Amino acid sequence: MRRHREPSHAEMLAQATDRLHIMQALDSALERWPEVSALAWEAESTEEFITQLGELLGIDETQATAVADLQLRRIPREQRAWIRAQVDEIKVELAHLRSTDPT
């Protein structure tokens, strides 16, 4: 039977520090949510959004990535364009399927 090793004090401290680092960024983003949402809406790509988040909030890339990963954020322009392209492709596919309906 494997025994689970308890983390050392130093490991627990490091984990707590890492969690705090991320949580502070999330808190900061939520405090400035209108600005964060505007950045997400205008960003050409996720990478651009992360860079701009770092500049806006004064946070590092790890923190900005955590903020960008929030599902509450708006979708950057590159993803909106992909979604629109998918909609157009599906419409074409449906039109084709409807025109070739065997019934």
PDB file of N, CA and C in Angstrom:
ATOM      1  N   MET A   1       0.838  -1.171   0.000  1.00  0.00           N
ATOM      2  CA  MET A   1       0.000   0.000   0.000  1.00  0.00           C
ATOM      3  C   MET A   1       0.889   1.242   0.000  1.00  0.00           C
ATOM      4  N   ARG A   2       0.563   2.177  -0.897  1.00  0.00           N
ATOM      5  CA  ARG A   2       1.325   3.413  -0.964  1.00  0.00           C
ATOM      6  C   ARG A   2       0.864   4.371   0.113  1.00  0.00           C
ATOM      7  N   ARG A   3       1.818   4.994   0.668  1.00  0.00           N
ATOM      8  CA  ARG A   3       1.506   5.966   1.703  1.00  0.00           C
ATOM      9  C   ARG A   3       1.666   7.366   1.129  1.00  0.00           C
ATOM     10  N   HIS A   4       0.670   8.179   1.323  1.00  0.00           N
ATOM     11  CA  HIS A   4       0.701   9.555   0.825  1.00  0.00           C
ATOM     12  C   HIS A   4       1.543  10.403   1.772  1.00  0.00           C
ATOM     13  N   ARG A   5       2.543  11.039   1.200  1.00  0.00           N
ATOM     14  CA  ARG A   5       3.425  11.882   1.991  1.00  0.00           C
ATOM     15  C   ARG A   5       2.798  13.257   2.192  1.00  0.00           C
ATOM     16  N   GLU A   6       2.787  13.694   3.406  1.00  0.00           N
ATOM     17  CA  GLU A   6       2.296  15.037   3.712  1.00  0.00           C
ATOM     18  C   GLU A   6       3.296  16.063   3.173  1.00  0.00           C
ATOM     19  N   PRO A   7       2.802  17.159   2.599  1.00  0.00           N
ATOM     20  CA  PRO A   7       3.734  18.182   2.116  1.00  0.00           C
ATOM     21  C   PRO A   7       4.481  18.827   3.283  1.00  0.00           C
ATOM     22  N   SER A   8       5.696  19.200   3.011  1.00  0.00           N
ATOM     23  CA  SER A   8       6.484  19.883   4.037  1.00  0.00           C
ATOM     24  C   SER A   8       5.954  21.299   4.222  1.00  0.00           C
ATOM     25  N   HIS A   9       6.389  21.908   5.276  1.00  0.00           N
ATOM     26  CA  HIS A   9       6.000  23.295   5.548  1.00  0.00           C
ATOM     27  C   HIS A   9       6.400  24.194   4.388  1.00  0.00           C
ATOM     28  N   ALA A  10       7.600  23.999   3.886  1.00  0.00           N
ATOM     29  CA  ALA A  10       8.083  24.814   2.770  1.00  0.00           C
ATOM     30  C   ALA A  10       7.213  24.608   1.529  1.00  0.00           C
ATOM     31  N   GLU A  11       6.790  23.370   1.283  1.00  0.00           N
ATOM     32  CA  GLU A  11       5.921  23.091   0.134  1.00  0.00           C
ATOM     33  C   GLU A  11       4.550  23.737   0.308  1.00  0.00           C
ATOM     34  N   MET A  12       4.012  23.649   1.511  1.00  0.00           N
ATOM     35  CA  MET A  12       2.716  24.278   1.778  1.00  0.00           C
ATOM     36  C   MET A  12       2.804  25.793   1.617  1.00  0.00           C
ATOM     37  N   LEU A  13       3.901  26.359   2.074  1.00  0.00           N
ATOM     38  CA  LEU A  13       4.119  27.794   1.939  1.00  0.00           C
ATOM     39  C   LEU A  13       4.203  28.183   0.466  1.00  0.00           C
ATOM     40  N   ALA A  14       4.941  27.414  -0.307  1.00  0.00           N
ATOM     41  CA  ALA A  14       5.075  27.698  -1.735  1.00  0.00           C
ATOM     42  C   ALA A  14       3.726  27.586  -2.449  1.00  0.00           C
ATOM     43  N   GLN A  15       2.943  26.563  -2.106  1.00  0.00           N
ATOM     44  CA  GLN A  15       1.629  26.385  -2.718  1.00  0.00           C
ATOM     45  C   GLN A  15       0.701  27.545  -2.365  1.00  0.00           C
ATOM     46  N   ALA A  16       0.717  27.947  -1.126  1.00  0.00           N
ATOM     47  CA  ALA A  16      -0.125  29.062  -0.692  1.00  0.00           C
ATOM     48  C   ALA A  16       0.293  30.356  -1.382  1.00  0.00           C
ATOM     49  N   THR A  17       1.587  30.548  -1.524  1.00  0.00           N
ATOM     50  CA  THR A  17       2.097  31.738  -2.208  1.00  0.00           C
ATOM     51  C   THR A  17       1.651  31.751  -3.654  1.00  0.00           C
ATOM     52  N   ASP A  18       1.746  30.610  -4.315  1.00  0.00           N
ATOM     53  CA  ASP A  18       1.309  30.501  -5.713  1.00  0.00           C
ATOM     54  C   ASP A  18      -0.189  30.786  -5.845  1.00  0.00           C
ATOM     55  N   ARG A  19      -0.982  30.226  -4.948  1.00  0.00           N
ATOM     56  CA  ARG A  19      -2.432  30.457  -4.989  1.00  0.00           C
ATOM     57  C   ARG A  19      -2.755  31.933  -4.775  1.00  0.00           C
ATOM     58  N   LEU A  20      -2.081  32.543  -3.808  1.00  0.00           N
ATOM     59  CA  LEU A  20      -2.304  33.961  -3.533  1.00  0.00           C
ATOM     60  C   LEU A  20      -1.944  34.801  -4.747  1.00  0.00           C
ATOM     61  N   HIS A  21      -0.835  34.476  -5.378  1.00  0.00           N
ATOM     62  CA  HIS A  21      -0.373  35.195  -6.564  1.00  0.00           C
ATOM     63  C   HIS A  21      -1.479  35.232  -7.627  1.00  0.00           C
ATOM     64  N   ILE A  22      -2.098  34.090  -7.873  1.00  0.00           N
ATOM     65  CA  ILE A  22      -3.158  33.990  -8.872  1.00  0.00           C
ATOM     66  C   ILE A  22      -4.430  34.676  -8.378  1.00  0.00           C
ATOM     67  N   MET A  23      -4.803  34.436  -7.148  1.00  0.00           N
ATOM     68  CA  MET A  23      -6.038  35.005  -6.618  1.00  0.00           C
ATOM     69  C   MET A  23      -6.007  36.532  -6.589  1.00  0.00           C
ATOM     70  N   GLN A  24      -4.840  37.104  -6.324  1.00  0.00           N
ATOM     71  CA  GLN A  24      -4.723  38.560  -6.339  1.00  0.00           C
ATOM     72  C   GLN A  24      -4.984  39.102  -7.741  1.00  0.00           C
ATOM     73  N   ALA A  25      -4.487  38.410  -8.743  1.00  0.00           N
ATOM     74  CA  ALA A  25      -4.719  38.838 -10.121  1.00  0.00           C
ATOM     75  C   ALA A  25      -6.201  38.733 -10.469  1.00  0.00           C
ATOM     76  N   LEU A  26      -6.831  37.627 -10.059  1.00  0.00           N
ATOM     77  CA  LEU A  26      -8.254  37.463 -10.335  1.00  0.00           C
ATOM     78  C   LEU A  26      -9.072  38.546  -9.624  1.00  0.00           C
ATOM     79  N   ASP A  27      -8.711  38.838  -8.398  1.00  0.00           N
ATOM     80  CA  ASP A  27      -9.399  39.884  -7.643  1.00  0.00           C
ATOM     81  C   ASP A  27      -9.248  41.233  -8.330  1.00  0.00           C
ATOM     82  N   SER A  28      -8.035  41.524  -8.756  1.00  0.00           N
ATOM     83  CA  SER A  28      -7.773  42.786  -9.451  1.00  0.00           C
ATOM     84  C   SER A  28      -8.585  42.873 -10.744  1.00  0.00           C
ATOM     85  N   ALA A  29      -8.654  41.755 -11.478  1.00  0.00           N
ATOM     86  CA  ALA A  29      -9.416  41.733 -12.725  1.00  0.00           C
ATOM     87  C   ALA A  29     -10.902  41.957 -12.462  1.00  0.00           C
ATOM     88  N   LEU A  30     -11.411  41.347 -11.408  1.00  0.00           N
ATOM     89  CA  LEU A  30     -12.828  41.518 -11.095  1.00  0.00           C
ATOM     90  C   LEU A  30     -13.139  42.944 -10.644  1.00  0.00           C
ATOM     91  N   GLU A  31     -12.205  43.564  -9.957  1.00  0.00           N
ATOM     92  CA  GLU A  31     -12.383  44.957  -9.536  1.00  0.00           C
ATOM     93  C   GLU A  31     -12.459  45.888 -10.748  1.00  0.00           C
ATOM     94  N   ARG A  32     -11.773  45.503 -11.814  1.00  0.00           N
ATOM     95  CA  ARG A  32     -11.719  46.342 -13.022  1.00  0.00           C
ATOM     96  C   ARG A  32     -12.392  45.630 -14.198  1.00  0.00           C
ATOM     97  N   TRP A  33     -13.430  44.862 -13.897  1.00  0.00           N
ATOM     98  CA  TRP A  33     -14.064  44.017 -14.907  1.00  0.00           C
ATOM     99  C   TRP A  33     -14.513  44.758 -16.169  1.00  0.00           C
ATOM    100  N   PRO A  34     -15.095  45.962 -16.077  1.00  0.00           N
ATOM    101  CA  PRO A  34     -15.466  46.644 -17.326  1.00  0.00           C
ATOM    102  C   PRO A  34     -14.268  46.868 -18.261  1.00  0.00           C
ATOM    103  N   GLU A  35     -13.138  47.230 -17.690  1.00  0.00           N
ATOM    104  CA  GLU A  35     -11.941  47.440 -18.504  1.00  0.00           C
ATOM    105  C   GLU A  35     -11.404  46.118 -19.043  1.00  0.00           C
ATOM    106  N   VAL A  36     -11.428  45.086 -18.215  1.00  0.00           N
ATOM    107  CA  VAL A  36     -10.961  43.762 -18.633  1.00  0.00           C
ATOM    108  C   VAL A  36     -11.847  43.235 -19.760  1.00  0.00           C
ATOM    109  N   SER A  37     -13.148  43.386 -19.612  1.00  0.00           N
ATOM    110  CA  SER A  37     -14.083  42.930 -20.643  1.00  0.00           C
ATOM    111  C   SER A  37     -13.855  43.676 -21.953  1.00  0.00           C
ATOM    112  N   ALA A  38     -13.621  44.965 -21.850  1.00  0.00           N
ATOM    113  CA  ALA A  38     -13.356  45.759 -23.058  1.00  0.00           C
ATOM    114  C   ALA A  38     -12.086  45.274 -23.755  1.00  0.00           C
ATOM    115  N   LEU A  39     -11.050  44.971 -22.974  1.00  0.00           N
ATOM    116  CA  LEU A  39      -9.818  44.433 -23.572  1.00  0.00           C
ATOM    117  C   LEU A  39     -10.091  43.125 -24.295  1.00  0.00           C
ATOM    118  N   ALA A  40     -10.838  42.250 -23.661  1.00  0.00           N
ATOM    119  CA  ALA A  40     -11.136  40.948 -24.266  1.00  0.00           C
ATOM    120  C   ALA A  40     -11.917  41.129 -25.558  1.00  0.00           C
ATOM    121  N   TRP A  41     -12.850  42.047 -25.547  1.00  0.00           N
ATOM    122  CA  TRP A  41     -13.692  42.272 -26.718  1.00  0.00           C
ATOM    123  C   TRP A  41     -12.865  42.797 -27.889  1.00  0.00           C
ATOM    124  N   GLU A  42     -11.905  43.652 -27.610  1.00  0.00           N
ATOM    125  CA  GLU A  42     -11.119  44.299 -28.661  1.00  0.00           C
ATOM    126  C   GLU A  42      -9.873  43.526 -29.077  1.00  0.00           C
ATOM    127  N   ALA A  43      -9.448  42.575 -28.276  1.00  0.00           N
ATOM    128  CA  ALA A  43      -8.196  41.857 -28.562  1.00  0.00           C
ATOM    129  C   ALA A  43      -8.303  41.063 -29.858  1.00  0.00           C
ATOM    130  N   GLU A  44      -7.251  41.114 -30.637  1.00  0.00           N
ATOM    131  CA  GLU A  44      -7.184  40.352 -31.894  1.00  0.00           C
ATOM    132  C   GLU A  44      -6.918  38.878 -31.636  1.00  0.00           C
ATOM    133  N   SER A  45      -6.293  38.571 -30.503  1.00  0.00           N
ATOM    134  CA  SER A  45      -5.939  37.182 -30.187  1.00  0.00           C
ATOM    135  C   SER A  45      -5.865  37.018 -28.679  1.00  0.00           C
ATOM    136  N   THR A  46      -5.829  35.783 -28.244  1.00  0.00           N
ATOM    137  CA  THR A  46      -5.688  35.501 -26.823  1.00  0.00           C
ATOM    138  C   THR A  46      -4.347  36.022 -26.316  1.00  0.00           C
ATOM    139  N   GLU A  47      -3.304  35.859 -27.115  1.00  0.00           N
ATOM    140  CA  GLU A  47      -1.971  36.330 -26.716  1.00  0.00           C
ATOM    141  C   GLU A  47      -1.973  37.844 -26.500  1.00  0.00           C
ATOM    142  N   GLU A  48      -2.632  38.564 -27.404  1.00  0.00           N
ATOM    143  CA  GLU A  48      -2.722  40.017 -27.265  1.00  0.00           C
ATOM    144  C   GLU A  48      -3.507  40.376 -26.001  1.00  0.00           C
ATOM    145  N   PHE A  49      -4.577  39.651 -25.744  1.00  0.00           N
ATOM    146  CA  PHE A  49      -5.386  39.877 -24.550  1.00  0.00           C
ATOM    147  C   PHE A  49      -4.551  39.690 -23.289  1.00  0.00           C
ATOM    148  N   ILE A  50      -3.754  38.636 -23.245  1.00  0.00           N
ATOM    149  CA  ILE A  50      -2.913  38.354 -22.075  1.00  0.00           C
ATOM    150  C   ILE A  50      -1.888  39.467 -21.877  1.00  0.00           C
ATOM    151  N   THR A  51      -1.269  39.895 -22.962  1.00  0.00           N
ATOM    152  CA  THR A  51      -0.287  40.979 -22.880  1.00  0.00           C
ATOM    153  C   THR A  51      -0.932  42.260 -22.361  1.00  0.00           C
ATOM    154  N   GLN A  52      -2.096  42.596 -22.910  1.00  0.00           N
ATOM    155  CA  GLN A  52      -2.785  43.815 -22.496  1.00  0.00           C
ATOM    156  C   GLN A  52      -3.286  43.732 -21.055  1.00  0.00           C
ATOM    157  N   LEU A  53      -3.702  42.546 -20.632  1.00  0.00           N
ATOM    158  CA  LEU A  53      -4.099  42.369 -19.228  1.00  0.00           C
ATOM    159  C   LEU A  53      -2.935  42.665 -18.296  1.00  0.00           C
ATOM    160  N   GLY A  54      -1.771  42.140 -18.653  1.00  0.00           N
ATOM    161  CA  GLY A  54      -0.585  42.388 -17.837  1.00  0.00           C
ATOM    162  C   GLY A  54      -0.302  43.865 -17.700  1.00  0.00           C
ATOM    163  N   GLU A  55      -0.422  44.586 -18.817  1.00  0.00           N
ATOM    164  CA  GLU A  55      -0.168  46.028 -18.800  1.00  0.00           C
ATOM    165  C   GLU A  55      -1.241  46.770 -18.004  1.00  0.00           C
ATOM    166  N   LEU A  56      -2.490  46.416 -18.208  1.00  0.00           N
ATOM    167  CA  LEU A  56      -3.588  47.091 -17.524  1.00  0.00           C
ATOM    168  C   LEU A  56      -3.540  46.890 -16.012  1.00  0.00           C
ATOM    169  N   LEU A  57      -3.324  45.647 -15.607  1.00  0.00           N
ATOM    170  CA  LEU A  57      -3.419  45.307 -14.187  1.00  0.00           C
ATOM    171  C   LEU A  57      -2.074  45.273 -13.466  1.00  0.00           C
ATOM    172  N   GLY A  58      -0.978  45.408 -14.211  1.00  0.00           N
ATOM    173  CA  GLY A  58       0.341  45.337 -13.588  1.00  0.00           C
ATOM    174  C   GLY A  58       0.641  43.954 -13.043  1.00  0.00           C
ATOM    175  N   ILE A  59       0.277  42.928 -13.823  1.00  0.00           N
ATOM    176  CA  ILE A  59       0.465  41.540 -13.394  1.00  0.00           C
ATOM    177  C   ILE A  59       1.374  40.815 -14.371  1.00  0.00           C
ATOM    178  N   ASP A  60       1.893  39.664 -13.940  1.00  0.00           N
ATOM    179  CA  ASP A  60       2.793  38.906 -14.805  1.00  0.00           C
ATOM    180  C   ASP A  60       2.005  37.989 -15.744  1.00  0.00           C
ATOM    181  N   GLU A  61       2.710  37.304 -16.624  1.00  0.00           N
ATOM    182  CA  GLU A  61       2.074  36.467 -17.635  1.00  0.00           C
ATOM    183  C   GLU A  61       1.274  35.312 -17.023  1.00  0.00           C
ATOM    184  N   THR A  62       1.790  34.709 -15.960  1.00  0.00           N
ATOM    185  CA  THR A  62       1.065  33.616 -15.300  1.00  0.00           C
ATOM    186  C   THR A  62      -0.267  34.110 -14.765  1.00  0.00           C
ATOM    187  N   GLN A  63      -0.245  35.263 -14.122  1.00  0.00           N
ATOM    188  CA  GLN A  63      -1.475  35.834 -13.589  1.00  0.00           C
ATOM    189  C   GLN A  63      -2.431  36.224 -14.717  1.00  0.00           C
ATOM    190  N   ALA A  64      -1.893  36.857 -15.751  1.00  0.00           N
ATOM    191  CA  ALA A  64      -2.737  37.290 -16.872  1.00  0.00           C
ATOM    192  C   ALA A  64      -3.372  36.088 -17.571  1.00  0.00           C
ATOM    193  N   THR A  65      -2.628  35.002 -17.673  1.00  0.00           N
ATOM    194  CA  THR A  65      -3.176  33.786 -18.283  1.00  0.00           C
ATOM    195  C   THR A  65      -4.313  33.236 -17.429  1.00  0.00           C
ATOM    196  N   ALA A  66      -4.158  33.258 -16.128  1.00  0.00           N
ATOM    197  CA  ALA A  66      -5.224  32.794 -15.237  1.00  0.00           C
ATOM    198  C   ALA A  66      -6.476  33.648 -15.409  1.00  0.00           C
ATOM    199  N   VAL A  67      -6.304  34.947 -15.525  1.00  0.00           N
ATOM    200  CA  VAL A  67      -7.440  35.843 -15.735  1.00  0.00           C
ATOM    201  C   VAL A  67      -8.082  35.546 -17.095  1.00  0.00           C
ATOM    202  N   ALA A  68      -7.252  35.388 -18.113  1.00  0.00           N
ATOM    203  CA  ALA A  68      -7.773  35.116 -19.457  1.00  0.00           C
ATOM    204  C   ALA A  68      -8.510  33.787 -19.514  1.00  0.00           C
ATOM    205  N   ASP A  69      -8.131  32.846 -18.672  1.00  0.00           N
ATOM    206  CA  ASP A  69      -8.769  31.540 -18.652  1.00  0.00           C
ATOM    207  C   ASP A  69     -10.140  31.550 -17.985  1.00  0.00           C
ATOM    208  N   LEU A  70     -10.490  32.647 -17.352  1.00  0.00           N
ATOM    209  CA  LEU A  70     -11.812  32.741 -16.745  1.00  0.00           C
ATOM    210  C   LEU A  70     -12.871  32.552 -17.817  1.00  0.00           C
ATOM    211  N   GLN A  71     -13.840  31.726 -17.570  1.00  0.00           N
ATOM    212  CA  GLN A  71     -14.897  31.498 -18.548  1.00  0.00           C
ATOM    213  C   GLN A  71     -15.858  32.673 -18.647  1.00  0.00           C
ATOM    214  N   LEU A  72     -15.775  33.603 -17.717  1.00  0.00           N
ATOM    215  CA  LEU A  72     -16.655  34.761 -17.735  1.00  0.00           C
ATOM    216  C   LEU A  72     -16.210  35.824 -18.730  1.00  0.00           C
ATOM    217  N   ARG A  73     -15.002  35.685 -19.217  1.00  0.00           N
ATOM    218  CA  ARG A  73     -14.481  36.730 -20.093  1.00  0.00           C
ATOM    219  C   ARG A  73     -15.162  36.710 -21.451  1.00  0.00           C
ATOM    220  N   ARG A  74     -15.076  37.817 -22.124  1.00  0.00           N
ATOM    221  CA  ARG A  74     -15.564  37.907 -23.499  1.00  0.00           C
ATOM    222  C   ARG A  74     -14.593  37.168 -24.402  1.00  0.00           C
ATOM    223  N   ILE A  75     -15.079  36.791 -25.540  1.00  0.00           N
ATOM    224  CA  ILE A  75     -14.244  36.037 -26.473  1.00  0.00           C
ATOM    225  C   ILE A  75     -13.457  37.011 -27.336  1.00  0.00           C
ATOM    226  N   PRO A  76     -12.128  36.848 -27.422  1.00  0.00           N
ATOM    227  CA  PRO A  76     -11.335  37.731 -28.281  1.00  0.00           C
ATOM    228  C   PRO A  76     -11.767  37.633 -29.742  1.00  0.00           C
ATOM    229  N   ARG A  77     -11.434  38.639 -30.488  1.00  0.00           N
ATOM    230  CA  ARG A  77     -11.853  38.766 -31.886  1.00  0.00           C
ATOM    231  C   ARG A  77     -11.495  37.546 -32.725  1.00  0.00           C
ATOM    232  N   GLU A  78     -10.308  36.950 -32.534  1.00  0.00           N
ATOM    233  CA  GLU A  78      -9.926  35.794 -33.355  1.00  0.00           C
ATOM    234  C   GLU A  78     -10.886  34.630 -33.148  1.00  0.00           C
ATOM    235  N   GLN A  79     -11.356  34.440 -31.927  1.00  0.00           N
ATOM    236  CA  GLN A  79     -12.290  33.355 -31.650  1.00  0.00           C
ATOM    237  C   GLN A  79     -13.680  33.692 -32.169  1.00  0.00           C
ATOM    238  N   ARG A  80     -14.067  34.971 -32.094  1.00  0.00           N
ATOM    239  CA  ARG A  80     -15.360  35.370 -32.655  1.00  0.00           C
ATOM    240  C   ARG A  80     -15.363  35.127 -34.155  1.00  0.00           C
ATOM    241  N   ALA A  81     -14.248  35.448 -34.840  1.00  0.00           N
ATOM    242  CA  ALA A  81     -14.149  35.228 -36.283  1.00  0.00           C
ATOM    243  C   ALA A  81     -14.235  33.736 -36.607  1.00  0.00           C
ATOM    244  N   TRP A  82     -13.586  32.902 -35.800  1.00  0.00           N
ATOM    245  CA  TRP A  82     -13.640  31.456 -36.011  1.00  0.00           C
ATOM    246  C   TRP A  82     -15.069  30.961 -35.845  1.00  0.00           C
ATOM    247  N   ILE A  83     -15.760  31.449 -34.813  1.00  0.00           N
ATOM    248  CA  ILE A  83     -17.147  31.044 -34.573  1.00  0.00           C
ATOM    249  C   ILE A  83     -18.018  31.464 -35.758  1.00  0.00           C
ATOM    250  N   ARG A  84     -17.825  32.696 -36.234  1.00  0.00           N
ATOM    251  CA  ARG A  84     -18.605  33.161 -37.389  1.00  0.00           C
ATOM    252  C   ARG A  84     -18.331  32.298 -38.615  1.00  0.00           C
ATOM    253  N   ALA A  85     -17.074  31.931 -38.827  1.00  0.00           N
ATOM    254  CA  ALA A  85     -16.727  31.058 -39.964  1.00  0.00           C
ATOM    255  C   ALA A  85     -17.400  29.701 -39.826  1.00  0.00           C
ATOM    256  N   GLN A  86     -17.428  29.177 -38.614  1.00  0.00           N
ATOM    257  CA  GLN A  86     -18.088  27.895 -38.382  1.00  0.00           C
ATOM    258  C   GLN A  86     -19.586  28.000 -38.674  1.00  0.00           C
ATOM    259  N   VAL A  87     -20.205  29.096 -38.256  1.00  0.00           N
ATOM    260  CA  VAL A  87     -21.631  29.306 -38.533  1.00  0.00           C
ATOM    261  C   VAL A  87     -21.864  29.303 -40.038  1.00  0.00           C
ATOM    262  N   ASP A  88     -21.041  30.031 -40.772  1.00  0.00           N
ATOM    263  CA  ASP A  88     -21.186  30.082 -42.231  1.00  0.00           C
ATOM    264  C   ASP A  88     -21.011  28.699 -42.851  1.00  0.00           C
ATOM    265  N   GLU A  89     -20.012  27.951 -42.401  1.00  0.00           N
ATOM    266  CA  GLU A  89     -19.780  26.601 -42.927  1.00  0.00           C
ATOM    267  C   GLU A  89     -20.959  25.681 -42.639  1.00  0.00           C
ATOM    268  N   ILE A  90     -21.509  25.783 -41.455  1.00  0.00           N
ATOM    269  CA  ILE A  90     -22.641  24.929 -41.085  1.00  0.00           C
ATOM    270  C   ILE A  90     -23.874  25.301 -41.908  1.00  0.00           C
ATOM    271  N   LYS A  91     -24.076  26.597 -42.153  1.00  0.00           N
ATOM    272  CA  LYS A  91     -25.203  27.020 -42.992  1.00  0.00           C
ATOM    273  C   LYS A  91     -25.086  26.426 -44.391  1.00  0.00           C
ATOM    274  N   VAL A  92     -23.881  26.446 -44.958  1.00  0.00           N
ATOM    275  CA  VAL A  92     -23.657  25.867 -46.286  1.00  0.00           C
ATOM    276  C   VAL A  92     -23.930  24.366 -46.242  1.00  0.00           C
ATOM    277  N   GLU A  93     -23.416  23.708 -45.211  1.00  0.00           N
ATOM    278  CA  GLU A  93     -23.626  22.269 -45.069  1.00  0.00           C
ATOM    279  C   GLU A  93     -25.111  21.942 -44.956  1.00  0.00           C
ATOM    280  N   LEU A  94     -25.841  22.722 -44.143  1.00  0.00           N
ATOM    281  CA  LEU A  94     -27.279  22.493 -43.993  1.00  0.00           C
ATOM    282  C   LEU A  94     -28.027  22.729 -45.299  1.00  0.00           C
ATOM    283  N   ALA A  95     -27.661  23.772 -46.000  1.00  0.00           N
ATOM    284  CA  ALA A  95     -28.308  24.044 -47.287  1.00  0.00           C
ATOM    285  C   ALA A  95     -28.095  22.875 -48.242  1.00  0.00           C
ATOM    286  N   HIS A  96     -26.878  22.349 -48.271  1.00  0.00           N
ATOM    287  CA  HIS A  96     -26.569  21.205 -49.120  1.00  0.00           C
ATOM    288  C   HIS A  96     -27.386  19.991 -48.693  1.00  0.00           C
ATOM    289  N   LEU A  97     -27.407  19.727 -47.401  1.00  0.00           N
ATOM    290  CA  LEU A  97     -28.148  18.566 -46.897  1.00  0.00           C
ATOM    291  C   LEU A  97     -29.646  18.709 -47.197  1.00  0.00           C
ATOM    292  N   ARG A  98     -30.169  19.901 -47.059  1.00  0.00           N
ATOM    293  CA  ARG A  98     -31.593  20.126 -47.332  1.00  0.00           C
ATOM    294  C   ARG A  98     -31.917  19.951 -48.823  1.00  0.00           C
ATOM    295  N   SER A  99     -30.975  20.386 -49.653  1.00  0.00           N
ATOM    296  CA  SER A  99     -31.226  20.291 -51.098  1.00  0.00           C
ATOM    297  C   SER A  99     -31.094  18.866 -51.620  1.00  0.00           C
ATOM    298  N   THR A 100     -30.426  18.010 -50.868  1.00  0.00           N
ATOM    299  CA  THR A 100     -30.247  16.620 -51.280  1.00  0.00           C
ATOM    300  C   THR A 100     -31.042  15.664 -50.410  1.00  0.00           C
ATOM    301  N   ASP A 101     -32.045  16.181 -49.700  1.00  0.00           N
ATOM    302  CA  ASP A 101     -32.873  15.337 -48.822  1.00  0.00           C
ATOM    303  C   ASP A 101     -33.625  14.297 -49.653  1.00  0.00           C
ATOM    304  N   PRO A 102     -33.446  13.001 -49.385  1.00  0.00           N
ATOM    305  CA  PRO A 102     -34.063  11.953 -50.202  1.00  0.00           C
ATOM    306  C   PRO A 102     -35.564  11.801 -49.982  1.00  0.00           C
ATOM    307  N   THR A 103     -36.141  12.452 -48.999  1.00  0.00           N
ATOM    308  CA  THR A 103     -37.581  12.265 -48.748  1.00  0.00           C
ATOM    309  C   THR A 103     -38.441  13.192 -49.544  1.00  0.00           C
TER     310      THR A 103
END
